[in-house]
Amino acid sequence: MAQGDPCILKAQYIAVEGTDIEHGQGAIERNELPHIPLGPVVWLIRIPQPDDPAEWERRLDATVGRELGSFKVELPTAEELRRVETGEIVFQQ
C-alpha cells in the first residue's frame, strides 16, 4: 500500500464473563472505523497508517474499558486481504 493509504487489521473482542459482547462492536463504532464483521466478536477494520496492531489494541481497549473486555488486534491473513482487494469483503462505517 502507498504511504497514506488505509491499512487493514483484524480485531477480536474478548468479553469479560457475564458482560455483553456488543461492547466490542460499540468500541469499533466509537472509534469511527470502517469495519466488517467476520463473526460475532471478530472484525476486519480499516485504519489510517501506520498499521500498528498494538496501538489499535490499546485504543480499542481504552474505549471499551477493562471491566467489560479487551481486544486482540493482529494483521489479517493473506486470504482475508485477498477478499478485501477483490471486493468480496466490503467495509461499512
PDB file of N, CA and C in Angstrom:
ATOM      1  N   MET A   1       0.834  -1.192   0.000  1.00  0.00           N
ATOM      2  CA  MET A   1       0.000   0.000   0.000  1.00  0.00           C
ATOM      3  C   MET A   1       0.876   1.252   0.000  1.00  0.00           C
ATOM      4  N   ALA A   2       0.410   2.268  -0.654  1.00  0.00           N
ATOM      5  CA  ALA A   2       1.145   3.515  -0.709  1.00  0.00           C
ATOM      6  C   ALA A   2       1.042   4.252   0.618  1.00  0.00           C
ATOM      7  N   GLN A   3       2.037   5.092   0.881  1.00  0.00           N
ATOM      8  CA  GLN A   3       2.023   5.901   2.098  1.00  0.00           C
ATOM      9  C   GLN A   3       0.734   6.711   2.152  1.00  0.00           C
ATOM     10  N   GLY A   4       0.033   6.680   3.271  1.00  0.00           N
ATOM     11  CA  GLY A   4      -1.203   7.410   3.437  1.00  0.00           C
ATOM     12  C   GLY A   4      -2.441   6.570   3.154  1.00  0.00           C
ATOM     13  N   ASP A   5      -2.266   5.426   2.455  1.00  0.00           N
ATOM     14  CA  ASP A   5      -3.404   4.533   2.224  1.00  0.00           C
ATOM     15  C   ASP A   5      -3.848   3.929   3.544  1.00  0.00           C
ATOM     16  N   PRO A   6      -5.133   3.626   3.671  1.00  0.00           N
ATOM     17  CA  PRO A   6      -5.580   2.954   4.891  1.00  0.00           C
ATOM     18  C   PRO A   6      -5.034   1.530   4.953  1.00  0.00           C
ATOM     19  N   CYS A   7      -4.939   1.002   6.146  1.00  0.00           N
ATOM     20  CA  CYS A   7      -4.462  -0.349   6.394  1.00  0.00           C
ATOM     21  C   CYS A   7      -5.605  -1.190   6.953  1.00  0.00           C
ATOM     22  N   ILE A   8      -5.451  -2.484   6.854  1.00  0.00           N
ATOM     23  CA  ILE A   8      -6.460  -3.409   7.343  1.00  0.00           C
ATOM     24  C   ILE A   8      -5.867  -4.212   8.508  1.00  0.00           C
ATOM     25  N   LEU A   9      -6.619  -4.288   9.588  1.00  0.00           N
ATOM     26  CA  LEU A   9      -6.255  -5.118  10.733  1.00  0.00           C
ATOM     27  C   LEU A   9      -7.443  -6.000  11.101  1.00  0.00           C
ATOM     28  N   LYS A  10      -7.171  -7.040  11.868  1.00  0.00           N
ATOM     29  CA  LYS A  10      -8.230  -7.911  12.383  1.00  0.00           C
ATOM     30  C   LYS A  10      -8.309  -7.700  13.889  1.00  0.00           C
ATOM     31  N   ALA A  11      -9.515  -7.442  14.388  1.00  0.00           N
ATOM     32  CA  ALA A  11      -9.737  -7.205  15.817  1.00  0.00           C
ATOM     33  C   ALA A  11     -10.687  -8.261  16.362  1.00  0.00           C
ATOM     34  N   GLN A  12     -10.270  -8.889  17.457  1.00  0.00           N
ATOM     35  CA  GLN A  12     -11.119  -9.862  18.142  1.00  0.00           C
ATOM     36  C   GLN A  12     -11.417  -9.335  19.537  1.00  0.00           C
ATOM     37  N   TYR A  13     -12.688  -9.332  19.900  1.00  0.00           N
ATOM     38  CA  TYR A  13     -13.118  -8.863  21.219  1.00  0.00           C
ATOM     39  C   TYR A  13     -13.258 -10.045  22.167  1.00  0.00           C
ATOM     40  N   ILE A  14     -12.669  -9.923  23.337  1.00  0.00           N
ATOM     41  CA  ILE A  14     -12.766 -10.939  24.378  1.00  0.00           C
ATOM     42  C   ILE A  14     -13.515 -10.309  25.549  1.00  0.00           C
ATOM     43  N   ALA A  15     -14.794 -10.684  25.690  1.00  0.00           N
ATOM     44  CA  ALA A  15     -15.647 -10.105  26.727  1.00  0.00           C
ATOM     45  C   ALA A  15     -15.333 -10.718  28.087  1.00  0.00           C
ATOM     46  N   VAL A  16     -15.439  -9.895  29.132  1.00  0.00           N
ATOM     47  CA  VAL A  16     -15.375 -10.400  30.498  1.00  0.00           C
ATOM     48  C   VAL A  16     -16.631 -11.233  30.719  1.00  0.00           C
ATOM     49  N   GLU A  17     -16.483 -12.371  31.359  1.00  0.00           N
ATOM     50  CA  GLU A  17     -17.622 -13.255  31.594  1.00  0.00           C
ATOM     51  C   GLU A  17     -18.770 -12.487  32.240  1.00  0.00           C
ATOM     52  N   GLY A  18     -19.959 -12.671  31.682  1.00  0.00           N
ATOM     53  CA  GLY A  18     -21.155 -12.016  32.202  1.00  0.00           C
ATOM     54  C   GLY A  18     -21.443 -10.660  31.582  1.00  0.00           C
ATOM     55  N   THR A  19     -20.572 -10.195  30.673  1.00  0.00           N
ATOM     56  CA  THR A  19     -20.826  -8.913  30.009  1.00  0.00           C
ATOM     57  C   THR A  19     -21.268  -9.160  28.570  1.00  0.00           C
ATOM     58  N   ASP A  20     -21.827  -8.145  27.957  1.00  0.00           N
ATOM     59  CA  ASP A  20     -22.383  -8.237  26.614  1.00  0.00           C
ATOM     60  C   ASP A  20     -21.287  -8.104  25.557  1.00  0.00           C
ATOM     61  N   ILE A  21     -21.269  -9.014  24.600  1.00  0.00           N
ATOM     62  CA  ILE A  21     -20.274  -8.943  23.528  1.00  0.00           C
ATOM     63  C   ILE A  21     -20.479  -7.719  22.638  1.00  0.00           C
ATOM     64  N   GLU A  22     -21.645  -7.084  22.708  1.00  0.00           N
ATOM     65  CA  GLU A  22     -21.919  -5.896  21.903  1.00  0.00           C
ATOM     66  C   GLU A  22     -21.008  -4.719  22.260  1.00  0.00           C
ATOM     67  N   HIS A  23     -20.359  -4.772  23.416  1.00  0.00           N
ATOM     68  CA  HIS A  23     -19.412  -3.707  23.767  1.00  0.00           C
ATOM     69  C   HIS A  23     -18.262  -3.651  22.763  1.00  0.00           C
ATOM     70  N   GLY A  24     -17.907  -4.790  22.189  1.00  0.00           N
ATOM     71  CA  GLY A  24     -16.850  -4.820  21.175  1.00  0.00           C
ATOM     72  C   GLY A  24     -17.244  -4.036  19.934  1.00  0.00           C
ATOM     73  N   GLN A  25     -18.435  -4.281  19.427  1.00  0.00           N
ATOM     74  CA  GLN A  25     -18.934  -3.540  18.265  1.00  0.00           C
ATOM     75  C   GLN A  25     -19.002  -2.053  18.581  1.00  0.00           C
ATOM     76  N   GLY A  26     -19.460  -1.734  19.785  1.00  0.00           N
ATOM     77  CA  GLY A  26     -19.556  -0.328  20.186  1.00  0.00           C
ATOM     78  C   GLY A  26     -18.210   0.369  20.193  1.00  0.00           C
ATOM     79  N   ALA A  27     -17.177  -0.322  20.645  1.00  0.00           N
ATOM     80  CA  ALA A  27     -15.830   0.275  20.679  1.00  0.00           C
ATOM     81  C   ALA A  27     -15.345   0.580  19.269  1.00  0.00           C
ATOM     82  N   ILE A  28     -15.586  -0.319  18.345  1.00  0.00           N
ATOM     83  CA  ILE A  28     -15.178  -0.089  16.956  1.00  0.00           C
ATOM     84  C   ILE A  28     -15.949   1.093  16.374  1.00  0.00           C
ATOM     85  N   GLU A  29     -17.238   1.153  16.633  1.00  0.00           N
ATOM     86  CA  GLU A  29     -18.045   2.259  16.114  1.00  0.00           C
ATOM     87  C   GLU A  29     -17.666   3.590  16.753  1.00  0.00           C
ATOM     88  N   ARG A  30     -17.364   3.611  18.059  1.00  0.00           N
ATOM     89  CA  ARG A  30     -16.976   4.872  18.710  1.00  0.00           C
ATOM     90  C   ARG A  30     -15.649   5.396  18.174  1.00  0.00           C
ATOM     91  N   ASN A  31     -14.794   4.516  17.660  1.00  0.00           N
ATOM     92  CA  ASN A  31     -13.544   4.941  17.038  1.00  0.00           C
ATOM     93  C   ASN A  31     -13.738   5.295  15.566  1.00  0.00           C
ATOM     94  N   GLU A  32     -14.993   5.218  15.088  1.00  0.00           N
ATOM     95  CA  GLU A  32     -15.365   5.576  13.716  1.00  0.00           C
ATOM     96  C   GLU A  32     -14.517   4.851  12.681  1.00  0.00           C
ATOM     97  N   LEU A  33     -14.333   3.542  12.887  1.00  0.00           N
ATOM     98  CA  LEU A  33     -13.527   2.732  11.983  1.00  0.00           C
ATOM     99  C   LEU A  33     -14.417   2.008  10.975  1.00  0.00           C
ATOM    100  N   PRO A  34     -14.124   2.156   9.689  1.00  0.00           N
ATOM    101  CA  PRO A  34     -14.808   1.296   8.729  1.00  0.00           C
ATOM    102  C   PRO A  34     -14.490  -0.151   9.099  1.00  0.00           C
ATOM    103  N   HIS A  35     -15.505  -1.010   9.056  1.00  0.00           N
ATOM    104  CA  HIS A  35     -15.319  -2.374   9.541  1.00  0.00           C
ATOM    105  C   HIS A  35     -16.269  -3.340   8.846  1.00  0.00           C
ATOM    106  N   ILE A  36     -15.970  -4.620   8.999  1.00  0.00           N
ATOM    107  CA  ILE A  36     -16.853  -5.678   8.526  1.00  0.00           C
ATOM    108  C   ILE A  36     -16.741  -6.838   9.512  1.00  0.00           C
ATOM    109  N   PRO A  37     -17.858  -7.303  10.026  1.00  0.00           N
ATOM    110  CA  PRO A  37     -17.780  -8.434  10.955  1.00  0.00           C
ATOM    111  C   PRO A  37     -17.441  -9.725  10.207  1.00  0.00           C
ATOM    112  N   LEU A  38     -16.568 -10.524  10.803  1.00  0.00           N
ATOM    113  CA  LEU A  38     -16.253 -11.855  10.287  1.00  0.00           C
ATOM    114  C   LEU A  38     -16.919 -12.923  11.142  1.00  0.00           C
ATOM    115  N   GLY A  39     -17.458 -12.511  12.265  1.00  0.00           N
ATOM    116  CA  GLY A  39     -18.126 -13.383  13.213  1.00  0.00           C
ATOM    117  C   GLY A  39     -18.680 -12.507  14.317  1.00  0.00           C
ATOM    118  N   PRO A  40     -19.252 -13.091  15.365  1.00  0.00           N
ATOM    119  CA  PRO A  40     -19.875 -12.272  16.408  1.00  0.00           C
ATOM    120  C   PRO A  40     -18.890 -11.397  17.184  1.00  0.00           C
ATOM    121  N   VAL A  41     -17.617 -11.756  17.243  1.00  0.00           N
ATOM    122  CA  VAL A  41     -16.651 -10.964  18.013  1.00  0.00           C
ATOM    123  C   VAL A  41     -15.343 -10.727  17.251  1.00  0.00           C
ATOM    124  N   VAL A  42     -15.375 -10.858  15.916  1.00  0.00           N
ATOM    125  CA  VAL A  42     -14.179 -10.649  15.088  1.00  0.00           C
ATOM    126  C   VAL A  42     -14.549  -9.742  13.922  1.00  0.00           C
ATOM    127  N   TRP A  43     -13.710  -8.727  13.691  1.00  0.00           N
ATOM    128  CA  TRP A  43     -13.937  -7.760  12.616  1.00  0.00           C
ATOM    129  C   TRP A  43     -12.642  -7.513  11.866  1.00  0.00           C
ATOM    130  N   LEU A  44     -12.767  -7.178  10.603  1.00  0.00           N
ATOM    131  CA  LEU A  44     -11.685  -6.516   9.894  1.00  0.00           C
ATOM    132  C   LEU A  44     -11.975  -5.035  10.037  1.00  0.00           C
ATOM    133  N   ILE A  45     -10.939  -4.256  10.339  1.00  0.00           N
ATOM    134  CA  ILE A  45     -11.092  -2.812  10.485  1.00  0.00           C
ATOM    135  C   ILE A  45     -10.114  -2.115   9.552  1.00  0.00           C
ATOM    136  N   ARG A  46     -10.548  -0.994   9.011  1.00  0.00           N
ATOM    137  CA  ARG A  46      -9.683  -0.171   8.156  1.00  0.00           C
ATOM    138  C   ARG A  46      -9.214   1.001   9.015  1.00  0.00           C
ATOM    139  N   ILE A  47      -7.906   1.162   9.075  1.00  0.00           N
ATOM    140  CA  ILE A  47      -7.316   2.195   9.926  1.00  0.00           C
ATOM    141  C   ILE A  47      -6.338   3.037   9.116  1.00  0.00           C
ATOM    142  N   PRO A  48      -6.050   4.257   9.570  1.00  0.00           N
ATOM    143  CA  PRO A  48      -5.010   5.039   8.901  1.00  0.00           C
ATOM    144  C   PRO A  48      -3.637   4.447   9.224  1.00  0.00           C
ATOM    145  N   GLN A  49      -2.670   4.683   8.341  1.00  0.00           N
ATOM    146  CA  GLN A  49      -1.309   4.212   8.604  1.00  0.00           C
ATOM    147  C   GLN A  49      -0.727   4.982   9.777  1.00  0.00           C
ATOM    148  N   PRO A  50       0.186   4.429  10.502  1.00  0.00           N
ATOM    149  CA  PRO A  50       0.770   3.098  10.331  1.00  0.00           C
ATOM    150  C   PRO A  50      -0.131   2.027  10.927  1.00  0.00           C
ATOM    151  N   ASP A  51       0.039   0.809  10.448  1.00  0.00           N
ATOM    152  CA  ASP A  51      -0.817  -0.301  10.885  1.00  0.00           C
ATOM    153  C   ASP A  51      -0.192  -0.990  12.102  1.00  0.00           C
ATOM    154  N   ASP A  52      -0.176  -0.295  13.213  1.00  0.00           N
ATOM    155  CA  ASP A  52       0.418  -0.811  14.449  1.00  0.00           C
ATOM    156  C   ASP A  52      -0.660  -1.532  15.266  1.00  0.00           C
ATOM    157  N   PRO A  53      -0.690  -2.865  15.201  1.00  0.00           N
ATOM    158  CA  PRO A  53      -1.720  -3.596  15.938  1.00  0.00           C
ATOM    159  C   PRO A  53      -1.728  -3.289  17.437  1.00  0.00           C
ATOM    160  N   ALA A  54      -0.568  -3.130  18.047  1.00  0.00           N
ATOM    161  CA  ALA A  54      -0.504  -2.854  19.487  1.00  0.00           C
ATOM    162  C   ALA A  54      -1.151  -1.512  19.820  1.00  0.00           C
ATOM    163  N   GLU A  55      -0.937  -0.510  18.987  1.00  0.00           N
ATOM    164  CA  GLU A  55      -1.533   0.803  19.222  1.00  0.00           C
ATOM    165  C   GLU A  55      -3.053   0.731  19.113  1.00  0.00           C
ATOM    166  N   TRP A  56      -3.568   0.021  18.106  1.00  0.00           N
ATOM    167  CA  TRP A  56      -5.017  -0.084  17.950  1.00  0.00           C
ATOM    168  C   TRP A  56      -5.639  -0.968  19.016  1.00  0.00           C
ATOM    169  N   GLU A  57      -4.906  -1.957  19.472  1.00  0.00           N
ATOM    170  CA  GLU A  57      -5.385  -2.760  20.598  1.00  0.00           C
ATOM    171  C   GLU A  57      -5.537  -1.870  21.834  1.00  0.00           C
ATOM    172  N   ARG A  58      -4.549  -1.027  22.071  1.00  0.00           N
ATOM    173  CA  ARG A  58      -4.595  -0.099  23.203  1.00  0.00           C
ATOM    174  C   ARG A  58      -5.777   0.863  23.074  1.00  0.00           C
ATOM    175  N   ARG A  59      -5.969   1.421  21.887  1.00  0.00           N
ATOM    176  CA  ARG A  59      -7.067   2.376  21.672  1.00  0.00           C
ATOM    177  C   ARG A  59      -8.438   1.723  21.880  1.00  0.00           C
ATOM    178  N   LEU A  60      -8.617   0.540  21.313  1.00  0.00           N
ATOM    179  CA  LEU A  60      -9.902  -0.143  21.457  1.00  0.00           C
ATOM    180  C   LEU A  60     -10.140  -0.560  22.901  1.00  0.00           C
ATOM    181  N   ASP A  61      -9.090  -1.053  23.573  1.00  0.00           N
ATOM    182  CA  ASP A  61      -9.221  -1.419  24.989  1.00  0.00           C
ATOM    183  C   ASP A  61      -9.630  -0.214  25.834  1.00  0.00           C
ATOM    184  N   ALA A  62      -9.040   0.941  25.553  1.00  0.00           N
ATOM    185  CA  ALA A  62      -9.362   2.154  26.305  1.00  0.00           C
ATOM    186  C   ALA A  62     -10.810   2.570  26.073  1.00  0.00           C
ATOM    187  N   THR A  63     -11.318   2.329  24.879  1.00  0.00           N
ATOM    188  CA  THR A  63     -12.691   2.698  24.556  1.00  0.00           C
ATOM    189  C   THR A  63     -13.700   1.810  25.270  1.00  0.00           C
ATOM    190  N   VAL A  64     -13.414   0.511  25.345  1.00  0.00           N
ATOM    191  CA  VAL A  64     -14.381  -0.412  25.934  1.00  0.00           C
ATOM    192  C   VAL A  64     -14.246  -0.494  27.453  1.00  0.00           C
ATOM    193  N   GLY A  65     -13.054  -0.360  27.985  1.00  0.00           N
ATOM    194  CA  GLY A  65     -12.838  -0.464  29.427  1.00  0.00           C
ATOM    195  C   GLY A  65     -12.543  -1.897  29.838  1.00  0.00           C
ATOM    196  N   ARG A  66     -11.502  -2.094  30.584  1.00  0.00           N
ATOM    197  CA  ARG A  66     -11.055  -3.429  31.004  1.00  0.00           C
ATOM    198  C   ARG A  66     -12.102  -4.188  31.813  1.00  0.00           C
ATOM    199  N   GLU A  67     -13.001  -3.473  32.471  1.00  0.00           N
ATOM    200  CA  GLU A  67     -14.023  -4.155  33.269  1.00  0.00           C
ATOM    201  C   GLU A  67     -15.040  -4.887  32.386  1.00  0.00           C
ATOM    202  N   LEU A  68     -15.068  -4.536  31.096  1.00  0.00           N
ATOM    203  CA  LEU A  68     -16.013  -5.164  30.174  1.00  0.00           C
ATOM    204  C   LEU A  68     -15.352  -6.169  29.236  1.00  0.00           C
ATOM    205  N   GLY A  69     -14.100  -5.919  28.870  1.00  0.00           N
ATOM    206  CA  GLY A  69     -13.425  -6.822  27.953  1.00  0.00           C
ATOM    207  C   GLY A  69     -12.170  -6.203  27.381  1.00  0.00           C
ATOM    208  N   SER A  70     -11.587  -6.895  26.422  1.00  0.00           N
ATOM    209  CA  SER A  70     -10.362  -6.420  25.782  1.00  0.00           C
ATOM    210  C   SER A  70     -10.318  -6.923  24.342  1.00  0.00           C
ATOM    211  N   PHE A  71      -9.396  -6.372  23.595  1.00  0.00           N
ATOM    212  CA  PHE A  71      -9.227  -6.723  22.195  1.00  0.00           C
ATOM    213  C   PHE A  71      -7.881  -7.382  21.955  1.00  0.00           C
ATOM    214  N   LYS A  72      -7.867  -8.255  20.993  1.00  0.00           N
ATOM    215  CA  LYS A  72      -6.632  -8.786  20.416  1.00  0.00           C
ATOM    216  C   LYS A  72      -6.637  -8.290  18.981  1.00  0.00           C
ATOM    217  N   VAL A  73      -5.633  -7.505  18.598  1.00  0.00           N
ATOM    218  CA  VAL A  73      -5.568  -6.935  17.252  1.00  0.00           C
ATOM    219  C   VAL A  73      -4.320  -7.482  16.570  1.00  0.00           C
ATOM    220  N   GLU A  74      -4.507  -7.939  15.339  1.00  0.00           N
ATOM    221  CA  GLU A  74      -3.406  -8.536  14.593  1.00  0.00           C
ATOM    222  C   GLU A  74      -3.575  -8.259  13.112  1.00  0.00           C
ATOM    223  N   LEU A  75      -2.580  -8.616  12.344  1.00  0.00           N
ATOM    224  CA  LEU A  75      -2.672  -8.489  10.897  1.00  0.00           C
ATOM    225  C   LEU A  75      -3.613  -9.558  10.357  1.00  0.00           C
ATOM    226  N   PRO A  76      -4.377  -9.241   9.325  1.00  0.00           N
ATOM    227  CA  PRO A  76      -5.268 -10.244   8.740  1.00  0.00           C
ATOM    228  C   PRO A  76      -4.469 -11.283   7.962  1.00  0.00           C
ATOM    229  N   THR A  77      -5.130 -12.377   7.634  1.00  0.00           N
ATOM    230  CA  THR A  77      -4.492 -13.409   6.828  1.00  0.00           C
ATOM    231  C   THR A  77      -4.383 -12.940   5.374  1.00  0.00           C
ATOM    232  N   ALA A  78      -3.548 -13.609   4.616  1.00  0.00           N
ATOM    233  CA  ALA A  78      -3.414 -13.296   3.191  1.00  0.00           C
ATOM    234  C   ALA A  78      -4.746 -13.503   2.478  1.00  0.00           C
ATOM    235  N   GLU A  79      -5.499 -14.519   2.865  1.00  0.00           N
ATOM    236  CA  GLU A  79      -6.806 -14.783   2.256  1.00  0.00           C
ATOM    237  C   GLU A  79      -7.793 -13.653   2.566  1.00  0.00           C
ATOM    238  N   GLU A  80      -7.790 -13.158   3.789  1.00  0.00           N
ATOM    239  CA  GLU A  80      -8.686 -12.046   4.146  1.00  0.00           C
ATOM    240  C   GLU A  80      -8.327 -10.796   3.345  1.00  0.00           C
ATOM    241  N   LEU A  81      -7.043 -10.523   3.206  1.00  0.00           N
ATOM    242  CA  LEU A  81      -6.617  -9.370   2.399  1.00  0.00           C
ATOM    243  C   LEU A  81      -7.015  -9.544   0.938  1.00  0.00           C
ATOM    244  N   ARG A  82      -6.866 -10.746   0.416  1.00  0.00           N
ATOM    245  CA  ARG A  82      -7.255 -11.013  -0.967  1.00  0.00           C
ATOM    246  C   ARG A  82      -8.743 -10.730  -1.160  1.00  0.00           C
ATOM    247  N   ARG A  83      -9.564 -11.149  -0.198  1.00  0.00           N
ATOM    248  CA  ARG A  83     -11.008 -10.931  -0.276  1.00  0.00           C
ATOM    249  C   ARG A  83     -11.359  -9.438  -0.245  1.00  0.00           C
ATOM    250  N   VAL A  84     -10.587  -8.656   0.513  1.00  0.00           N
ATOM    251  CA  VAL A  84     -10.796  -7.198   0.532  1.00  0.00           C
ATOM    252  C   VAL A  84     -10.409  -6.615  -0.817  1.00  0.00           C
ATOM    253  N   GLU A  85      -9.246  -6.997  -1.320  1.00  0.00           N
ATOM    254  CA  GLU A  85      -8.738  -6.443  -2.575  1.00  0.00           C
ATOM    255  C   GLU A  85      -9.628  -6.774  -3.766  1.00  0.00           C
ATOM    256  N   THR A  86     -10.269  -7.933  -3.758  1.00  0.00           N
ATOM    257  CA  THR A  86     -11.140  -8.320  -4.874  1.00  0.00           C
ATOM    258  C   THR A  86     -12.552  -7.779  -4.734  1.00  0.00           C
ATOM    259  N   GLY A  87     -12.855  -7.125  -3.595  1.00  0.00           N
ATOM    260  CA  GLY A  87     -14.182  -6.566  -3.383  1.00  0.00           C
ATOM    261  C   GLY A  87     -15.175  -7.554  -2.801  1.00  0.00           C
ATOM    262  N   GLU A  88     -14.713  -8.754  -2.490  1.00  0.00           N
ATOM    263  CA  GLU A  88     -15.588  -9.751  -1.861  1.00  0.00           C
ATOM    264  C   GLU A  88     -15.998  -9.311  -0.461  1.00  0.00           C
ATOM    265  N   ILE A  89     -15.084  -8.625   0.227  1.00  0.00           N
ATOM    266  CA  ILE A  89     -15.373  -8.047   1.541  1.00  0.00           C
ATOM    267  C   ILE A  89     -15.461  -6.533   1.360  1.00  0.00           C
ATOM    268  N   VAL A  90     -16.592  -5.959   1.755  1.00  0.00           N
ATOM    269  CA  VAL A  90     -16.822  -4.522   1.639  1.00  0.00           C
ATOM    270  C   VAL A  90     -17.051  -3.954   3.042  1.00  0.00           C
ATOM    271  N   PHE A  91     -16.342  -2.895   3.360  1.00  0.00           N
ATOM    272  CA  PHE A  91     -16.422  -2.289   4.682  1.00  0.00           C
ATOM    273  C   PHE A  91     -17.652  -1.412   4.822  1.00  0.00           C
ATOM    274  N   GLN A  92     -18.155  -1.339   6.055  1.00  0.00           N
ATOM    275  CA  GLN A  92     -19.253  -0.442   6.415  1.00  0.00           C
ATOM    276  C   GLN A  92     -18.730   0.533   7.470  1.00  0.00           C
ATOM    277  N   GLN A  93     -19.349   1.666   7.611  1.00  0.00           N
ATOM    278  CA  GLN A  93     -18.914   2.642   8.619  1.00  0.00           C
ATOM    279  C   GLN A  93     -19.572   2.366   9.917  1.00  0.00           C
TER     280      GLN A  93
END
